[in-house]
Amino acid sequence: MKTLLMTFFPNTRSKLTLTKFDFTWTNSKKEIIVQIKNIGTQNTGPIEIDFDLEKDIMSENSLPHITHTTNELKKDDSIDFTADFTSLSQPHNKYLADVNKIIIHVEGKTKVNIPIIATNSKDNNIEANKT
């Protein structure tokens, strides 16, 4: 399976980088692990990370979505996020066998979960291939 990770870090009050990306995508386990580090000069404030899946051919089968939040990532600190899709792998979504892309979106949030700033700069995208 060719998997492409696309990570977007908008709306944060600091600079984030992806320091680890690993996944297991077998019949018995479907799990994604990422580590994000704050390399900026200030703490992030609340952030939300979304894990989405895509496949080459669009179909009526829905794909699961996992979201995690954290209140803050202090400068120079890292945080690990794990998205375990194993229990979400069901017959109605073909056991996620045809997934070819993992999209991870990290967004800064205010305390009421409204984006701080909306940006859409391609410079904030990271792509990593793992086959």
N, C-alpha and C. Protein backbone atom coordinates (compact mmCIF):
# COMPACT_ATOMS: atom_id res chain seq x y z
N MET A 1 0.84 -1.18 0.00
CA MET A 1 0.00 0.00 0.00
C MET A 1 0.89 1.24 0.00
N LYS A 2 0.63 2.12 -0.92
CA LYS A 2 1.34 3.40 -0.93
C LYS A 2 0.55 4.37 -0.07
N THR A 3 1.19 4.92 0.93
CA THR A 3 0.51 5.83 1.83
C THR A 3 1.21 7.17 1.80
N LEU A 4 0.44 8.21 1.70
CA LEU A 4 0.96 9.56 1.66
C LEU A 4 0.43 10.31 2.86
N LEU A 5 1.31 10.94 3.59
CA LEU A 5 0.91 11.75 4.72
C LEU A 5 0.97 13.21 4.30
N MET A 6 -0.11 13.92 4.49
CA MET A 6 -0.13 15.35 4.23
C MET A 6 -0.49 16.02 5.55
N THR A 7 0.37 16.84 6.04
CA THR A 7 0.13 17.48 7.32
C THR A 7 0.10 18.98 7.14
N PHE A 8 -0.87 19.63 7.73
CA PHE A 8 -1.05 21.07 7.60
C PHE A 8 -1.13 21.67 8.99
N PHE A 9 -0.33 22.66 9.28
CA PHE A 9 -0.26 23.26 10.60
C PHE A 9 -0.71 24.72 10.56
N PRO A 10 -1.98 25.03 10.34
CA PRO A 10 -2.42 26.42 10.37
C PRO A 10 -2.88 26.82 11.75
N ASN A 11 -3.10 28.08 11.92
CA ASN A 11 -3.84 28.61 13.05
C ASN A 11 -3.19 28.40 14.42
N THR A 12 -1.92 28.14 14.47
CA THR A 12 -1.28 27.99 15.77
C THR A 12 -0.50 29.24 16.09
N ARG A 13 -0.27 29.47 17.38
CA ARG A 13 0.49 30.64 17.79
C ARG A 13 1.98 30.36 17.83
N SER A 14 2.39 29.22 17.39
CA SER A 14 3.80 28.86 17.38
C SER A 14 4.09 28.03 16.14
N LYS A 15 5.32 27.56 16.00
CA LYS A 15 5.72 26.80 14.83
C LYS A 15 5.83 25.32 15.21
N LEU A 16 5.13 24.49 14.46
CA LEU A 16 5.11 23.06 14.73
C LEU A 16 5.81 22.31 13.61
N THR A 17 6.38 21.16 13.97
CA THR A 17 6.99 20.30 12.97
C THR A 17 6.65 18.85 13.28
N LEU A 18 6.59 18.05 12.25
CA LEU A 18 6.33 16.63 12.39
C LEU A 18 7.67 15.94 12.62
N THR A 19 7.85 15.29 13.78
CA THR A 19 9.13 14.65 14.09
C THR A 19 9.07 13.14 14.02
N LYS A 20 7.88 12.57 13.93
CA LYS A 20 7.74 11.12 13.81
C LYS A 20 6.45 10.82 13.07
N PHE A 21 6.54 9.87 12.15
CA PHE A 21 5.36 9.36 11.47
C PHE A 21 5.56 7.87 11.26
N ASP A 22 4.67 7.08 11.81
CA ASP A 22 4.75 5.64 11.63
C ASP A 22 3.33 5.08 11.58
N PHE A 23 3.18 3.98 10.91
CA PHE A 23 1.87 3.35 10.88
C PHE A 23 2.01 1.86 10.69
N THR A 24 1.00 1.15 11.15
CA THR A 24 0.85 -0.28 10.90
C THR A 24 -0.51 -0.43 10.23
N TRP A 25 -0.51 -1.01 9.04
CA TRP A 25 -1.76 -1.15 8.29
C TRP A 25 -1.83 -2.57 7.77
N THR A 26 -2.22 -3.50 8.66
CA THR A 26 -2.34 -4.91 8.31
C THR A 26 -3.79 -5.33 8.50
N ASN A 27 -4.09 -6.60 8.20
CA ASN A 27 -5.46 -7.09 8.40
C ASN A 27 -5.89 -7.02 9.85
N SER A 28 -4.95 -7.22 10.78
CA SER A 28 -5.32 -7.27 12.20
C SER A 28 -5.09 -5.96 12.96
N LYS A 29 -4.33 -5.03 12.37
CA LYS A 29 -4.05 -3.78 13.07
C LYS A 29 -3.94 -2.63 12.08
N LYS A 30 -4.64 -1.54 12.39
CA LYS A 30 -4.62 -0.34 11.55
C LYS A 30 -4.42 0.85 12.49
N GLU A 31 -3.17 1.30 12.60
CA GLU A 31 -2.83 2.33 13.58
C GLU A 31 -1.82 3.31 13.00
N ILE A 32 -2.00 4.59 13.35
CA ILE A 32 -1.11 5.66 12.91
C ILE A 32 -0.55 6.34 14.15
N ILE A 33 0.75 6.59 14.15
CA ILE A 33 1.40 7.29 15.27
C ILE A 33 2.20 8.46 14.70
N VAL A 34 1.94 9.64 15.24
CA VAL A 34 2.72 10.82 14.85
C VAL A 34 3.21 11.53 16.11
N GLN A 35 4.32 12.23 15.93
CA GLN A 35 4.83 13.08 17.00
C GLN A 35 4.99 14.47 16.43
N ILE A 36 4.48 15.45 17.15
CA ILE A 36 4.56 16.85 16.73
C ILE A 36 5.37 17.60 17.77
N LYS A 37 6.29 18.42 17.30
CA LYS A 37 7.14 19.20 18.20
C LYS A 37 6.90 20.69 17.95
N ASN A 38 6.89 21.45 19.04
CA ASN A 38 6.77 22.90 18.96
C ASN A 38 8.18 23.47 18.87
N ILE A 39 8.58 23.94 17.70
CA ILE A 39 9.90 24.52 17.52
C ILE A 39 9.85 26.04 17.50
N GLY A 40 8.71 26.58 17.87
CA GLY A 40 8.52 28.03 17.90
C GLY A 40 9.06 28.64 19.19
N THR A 41 8.77 29.91 19.35
CA THR A 41 9.28 30.64 20.50
C THR A 41 8.24 30.83 21.60
N GLN A 42 7.04 30.28 21.41
CA GLN A 42 6.01 30.39 22.43
C GLN A 42 5.15 29.15 22.45
N ASN A 43 4.35 29.00 23.49
CA ASN A 43 3.44 27.86 23.61
C ASN A 43 2.33 27.98 22.57
N THR A 44 1.73 26.85 22.21
CA THR A 44 0.75 26.84 21.13
C THR A 44 -0.63 27.32 21.52
N GLY A 45 -1.04 27.10 22.74
CA GLY A 45 -2.45 27.21 23.06
C GLY A 45 -3.11 25.90 22.64
N PRO A 46 -4.44 25.81 22.70
CA PRO A 46 -5.13 24.57 22.36
C PRO A 46 -4.94 24.20 20.89
N ILE A 47 -4.71 22.90 20.64
CA ILE A 47 -4.61 22.41 19.25
C ILE A 47 -5.46 21.15 19.10
N GLU A 48 -5.91 20.95 17.87
CA GLU A 48 -6.71 19.78 17.52
C GLU A 48 -6.02 19.08 16.37
N ILE A 49 -5.96 17.75 16.42
CA ILE A 49 -5.38 16.97 15.33
C ILE A 49 -6.45 16.01 14.81
N ASP A 50 -6.64 16.04 13.49
CA ASP A 50 -7.62 15.19 12.83
C ASP A 50 -6.91 14.19 11.93
N PHE A 51 -7.34 12.94 12.01
CA PHE A 51 -6.83 11.87 11.15
C PHE A 51 -7.95 11.47 10.19
N ASP A 52 -7.71 11.65 8.90
CA ASP A 52 -8.67 11.28 7.88
C ASP A 52 -8.03 10.31 6.90
N LEU A 53 -8.86 9.49 6.28
CA LEU A 53 -8.39 8.49 5.33
C LEU A 53 -9.01 8.77 3.96
N GLU A 54 -8.25 8.45 2.92
CA GLU A 54 -8.77 8.57 1.55
C GLU A 54 -8.41 7.33 0.77
N LYS A 55 -9.14 7.12 -0.31
CA LYS A 55 -8.84 6.03 -1.22
C LYS A 55 -8.88 6.53 -2.65
N ASP A 56 -8.27 5.79 -3.57
CA ASP A 56 -8.18 6.23 -4.97
C ASP A 56 -9.54 6.43 -5.60
N ILE A 57 -10.40 5.46 -5.44
CA ILE A 57 -11.71 5.50 -6.09
C ILE A 57 -12.76 5.87 -5.05
N MET A 58 -13.49 6.94 -5.34
CA MET A 58 -14.55 7.36 -4.43
C MET A 58 -15.68 6.33 -4.46
N SER A 59 -16.24 6.07 -3.30
CA SER A 59 -17.37 5.14 -3.23
C SER A 59 -18.35 5.63 -2.17
N GLU A 60 -19.41 4.89 -2.03
CA GLU A 60 -20.41 5.24 -1.03
C GLU A 60 -19.99 4.81 0.36
N ASN A 61 -18.95 4.01 0.46
CA ASN A 61 -18.49 3.54 1.76
C ASN A 61 -17.84 4.69 2.52
N SER A 62 -18.34 4.97 3.70
CA SER A 62 -17.78 6.06 4.48
C SER A 62 -16.49 5.59 5.17
N LEU A 63 -15.58 6.54 5.33
CA LEU A 63 -14.33 6.24 6.02
C LEU A 63 -14.34 6.92 7.38
N PRO A 64 -13.83 6.25 8.40
CA PRO A 64 -13.84 6.83 9.74
C PRO A 64 -12.89 8.01 9.88
N HIS A 65 -13.13 8.77 10.92
CA HIS A 65 -12.38 9.98 11.23
C HIS A 65 -12.06 9.95 12.72
N ILE A 66 -10.83 10.30 13.10
CA ILE A 66 -10.44 10.35 14.51
C ILE A 66 -9.89 11.73 14.81
N THR A 67 -10.31 12.30 15.94
CA THR A 67 -9.86 13.62 16.37
C THR A 67 -9.30 13.53 17.79
N HIS A 68 -8.18 14.22 18.02
CA HIS A 68 -7.60 14.36 19.36
C HIS A 68 -7.38 15.85 19.61
N THR A 69 -7.46 16.25 20.85
CA THR A 69 -7.16 17.64 21.22
C THR A 69 -6.20 17.66 22.40
N THR A 70 -5.48 18.77 22.51
CA THR A 70 -4.63 19.00 23.66
C THR A 70 -4.74 20.48 24.01
N ASN A 71 -4.64 20.79 25.26
CA ASN A 71 -4.80 22.17 25.71
C ASN A 71 -3.64 23.07 25.32
N GLU A 72 -2.44 22.48 25.22
CA GLU A 72 -1.27 23.32 24.94
C GLU A 72 -0.07 22.43 24.63
N LEU A 73 0.79 22.92 23.77
CA LEU A 73 2.08 22.30 23.53
C LEU A 73 3.13 23.37 23.80
N LYS A 74 3.88 23.18 24.88
CA LYS A 74 4.86 24.20 25.27
C LYS A 74 6.02 24.23 24.30
N LYS A 75 6.69 25.37 24.20
CA LYS A 75 7.81 25.50 23.27
C LYS A 75 8.87 24.46 23.62
N ASP A 76 9.47 23.89 22.59
CA ASP A 76 10.48 22.84 22.67
C ASP A 76 9.95 21.49 23.13
N ASP A 77 8.64 21.36 23.41
CA ASP A 77 8.07 20.07 23.79
C ASP A 77 7.50 19.35 22.58
N SER A 78 7.33 18.03 22.74
CA SER A 78 6.72 17.20 21.71
C SER A 78 5.54 16.47 22.32
N ILE A 79 4.67 16.02 21.44
CA ILE A 79 3.52 15.23 21.88
C ILE A 79 3.26 14.15 20.85
N ASP A 80 2.93 12.95 21.33
CA ASP A 80 2.59 11.84 20.46
C ASP A 80 1.08 11.72 20.36
N PHE A 81 0.60 11.44 19.16
CA PHE A 81 -0.81 11.19 18.93
C PHE A 81 -0.93 9.84 18.23
N THR A 82 -1.85 9.02 18.69
CA THR A 82 -2.10 7.72 18.08
C THR A 82 -3.54 7.66 17.62
N ALA A 83 -3.73 7.24 16.38
CA ALA A 83 -5.08 7.03 15.84
C ALA A 83 -5.20 5.55 15.53
N ASP A 84 -5.99 4.85 16.32
CA ASP A 84 -6.18 3.42 16.14
C ASP A 84 -7.51 3.19 15.40
N PHE A 85 -7.39 2.82 14.14
CA PHE A 85 -8.56 2.58 13.30
C PHE A 85 -8.97 1.10 13.30
N THR A 86 -8.30 0.27 14.10
CA THR A 86 -8.55 -1.17 14.07
C THR A 86 -10.01 -1.51 14.31
N SER A 87 -10.59 -0.98 15.37
CA SER A 87 -11.98 -1.31 15.69
C SER A 87 -12.97 -0.66 14.71
N LEU A 88 -12.50 0.34 13.95
CA LEU A 88 -13.35 1.03 12.98
C LEU A 88 -13.30 0.37 11.60
N SER A 89 -12.48 -0.64 11.47
CA SER A 89 -12.35 -1.40 10.23
C SER A 89 -13.49 -2.43 10.17
N GLN A 90 -14.49 -2.17 9.33
CA GLN A 90 -15.72 -2.96 9.31
C GLN A 90 -16.06 -3.42 7.88
N PRO A 91 -16.97 -4.37 7.75
CA PRO A 91 -17.35 -4.81 6.40
C PRO A 91 -17.90 -3.67 5.54
N HIS A 92 -18.65 -2.73 6.13
CA HIS A 92 -19.26 -1.66 5.32
C HIS A 92 -18.21 -0.71 4.71
N ASN A 93 -16.98 -0.67 5.26
CA ASN A 93 -15.93 0.16 4.66
C ASN A 93 -14.78 -0.71 4.11
N LYS A 94 -15.13 -1.96 3.78
CA LYS A 94 -14.19 -2.92 3.19
C LYS A 94 -12.96 -3.13 4.06
N TYR A 95 -13.14 -3.06 5.37
CA TYR A 95 -12.07 -3.24 6.35
C TYR A 95 -10.89 -2.31 6.09
N LEU A 96 -11.19 -1.17 5.49
CA LEU A 96 -10.19 -0.13 5.18
C LEU A 96 -9.04 -0.64 4.32
N ALA A 97 -9.30 -1.69 3.56
CA ALA A 97 -8.26 -2.29 2.73
C ALA A 97 -7.86 -1.42 1.55
N ASP A 98 -8.76 -0.56 1.07
CA ASP A 98 -8.45 0.24 -0.11
C ASP A 98 -8.00 1.66 0.22
N VAL A 99 -7.66 1.92 1.48
CA VAL A 99 -7.15 3.24 1.87
C VAL A 99 -5.74 3.40 1.31
N ASN A 100 -5.48 4.55 0.68
CA ASN A 100 -4.15 4.79 0.13
C ASN A 100 -3.54 6.09 0.63
N LYS A 101 -4.31 6.86 1.40
CA LYS A 101 -3.78 8.13 1.86
C LYS A 101 -4.28 8.41 3.27
N ILE A 102 -3.37 8.89 4.09
CA ILE A 102 -3.69 9.33 5.44
C ILE A 102 -3.49 10.83 5.46
N ILE A 103 -4.51 11.56 5.86
CA ILE A 103 -4.40 13.02 5.93
C ILE A 103 -4.48 13.42 7.40
N ILE A 104 -3.49 14.16 7.84
CA ILE A 104 -3.44 14.62 9.22
C ILE A 104 -3.46 16.13 9.19
N HIS A 105 -4.43 16.69 9.89
CA HIS A 105 -4.60 18.13 9.89
C HIS A 105 -4.50 18.62 11.34
N VAL A 106 -3.59 19.54 11.59
CA VAL A 106 -3.41 20.11 12.92
C VAL A 106 -3.84 21.55 12.88
N GLU A 107 -4.69 21.94 13.82
CA GLU A 107 -5.23 23.29 13.80
C GLU A 107 -5.22 23.86 15.21
N GLY A 108 -4.81 25.12 15.31
CA GLY A 108 -4.90 25.83 16.58
C GLY A 108 -6.32 26.22 16.85
N LYS A 109 -6.72 26.16 18.10
CA LYS A 109 -8.09 26.47 18.50
C LYS A 109 -8.09 27.49 19.63
N THR A 110 -9.14 28.26 19.69
CA THR A 110 -9.35 29.08 20.87
C THR A 110 -10.02 28.20 21.92
N LYS A 111 -10.26 28.72 23.06
CA LYS A 111 -10.85 27.91 24.12
C LYS A 111 -12.27 27.46 23.80
N VAL A 112 -12.92 28.11 22.84
CA VAL A 112 -14.26 27.68 22.44
C VAL A 112 -14.22 26.94 21.11
N ASN A 113 -13.04 26.45 20.72
CA ASN A 113 -12.85 25.65 19.52
C ASN A 113 -13.22 26.35 18.22
N ILE A 114 -12.89 27.62 18.11
CA ILE A 114 -13.03 28.36 16.87
C ILE A 114 -11.63 28.65 16.36
N PRO A 115 -11.35 28.43 15.08
CA PRO A 115 -10.00 28.68 14.58
C PRO A 115 -9.54 30.12 14.87
N ILE A 116 -8.27 30.26 15.23
CA ILE A 116 -7.70 31.57 15.52
C ILE A 116 -7.51 32.37 14.24
N ILE A 117 -6.87 31.77 13.25
CA ILE A 117 -6.60 32.41 11.97
C ILE A 117 -6.80 31.35 10.89
N ALA A 118 -7.40 31.70 9.80
CA ALA A 118 -7.55 30.76 8.70
C ALA A 118 -6.50 31.06 7.65
N THR A 119 -5.58 30.13 7.45
CA THR A 119 -4.57 30.28 6.41
C THR A 119 -4.60 29.04 5.54
N ASN A 120 -4.13 29.18 4.34
CA ASN A 120 -4.11 28.05 3.42
C ASN A 120 -2.84 28.09 2.60
N SER A 121 -1.71 28.18 3.26
CA SER A 121 -0.43 28.30 2.58
C SER A 121 0.16 26.94 2.29
N LYS A 122 0.52 26.69 1.05
CA LYS A 122 1.14 25.42 0.68
C LYS A 122 2.45 25.22 1.41
N ASP A 123 3.11 26.30 1.84
CA ASP A 123 4.36 26.19 2.59
C ASP A 123 4.18 25.47 3.91
N ASN A 124 2.96 25.39 4.42
CA ASN A 124 2.70 24.72 5.68
C ASN A 124 2.40 23.24 5.52
N ASN A 125 2.47 22.71 4.30
CA ASN A 125 2.18 21.30 4.06
C ASN A 125 3.47 20.49 4.10
N ILE A 126 3.37 19.31 4.68
CA ILE A 126 4.49 18.36 4.69
C ILE A 126 3.97 17.09 4.05
N GLU A 127 4.74 16.53 3.14
CA GLU A 127 4.35 15.26 2.53
C GLU A 127 5.45 14.24 2.80
N ALA A 128 5.04 13.05 3.25
CA ALA A 128 6.01 12.00 3.50
C ALA A 128 5.44 10.71 2.94
N ASN A 129 6.23 10.01 2.15
CA ASN A 129 5.80 8.75 1.58
C ASN A 129 6.37 7.60 2.37
N LYS A 130 5.55 6.60 2.57
CA LYS A 130 6.02 5.38 3.20
C LYS A 130 5.33 4.23 2.48
N THR A 131 6.08 3.34 1.91
CA THR A 131 5.46 2.22 1.19
C THR A 131 5.74 0.93 1.88
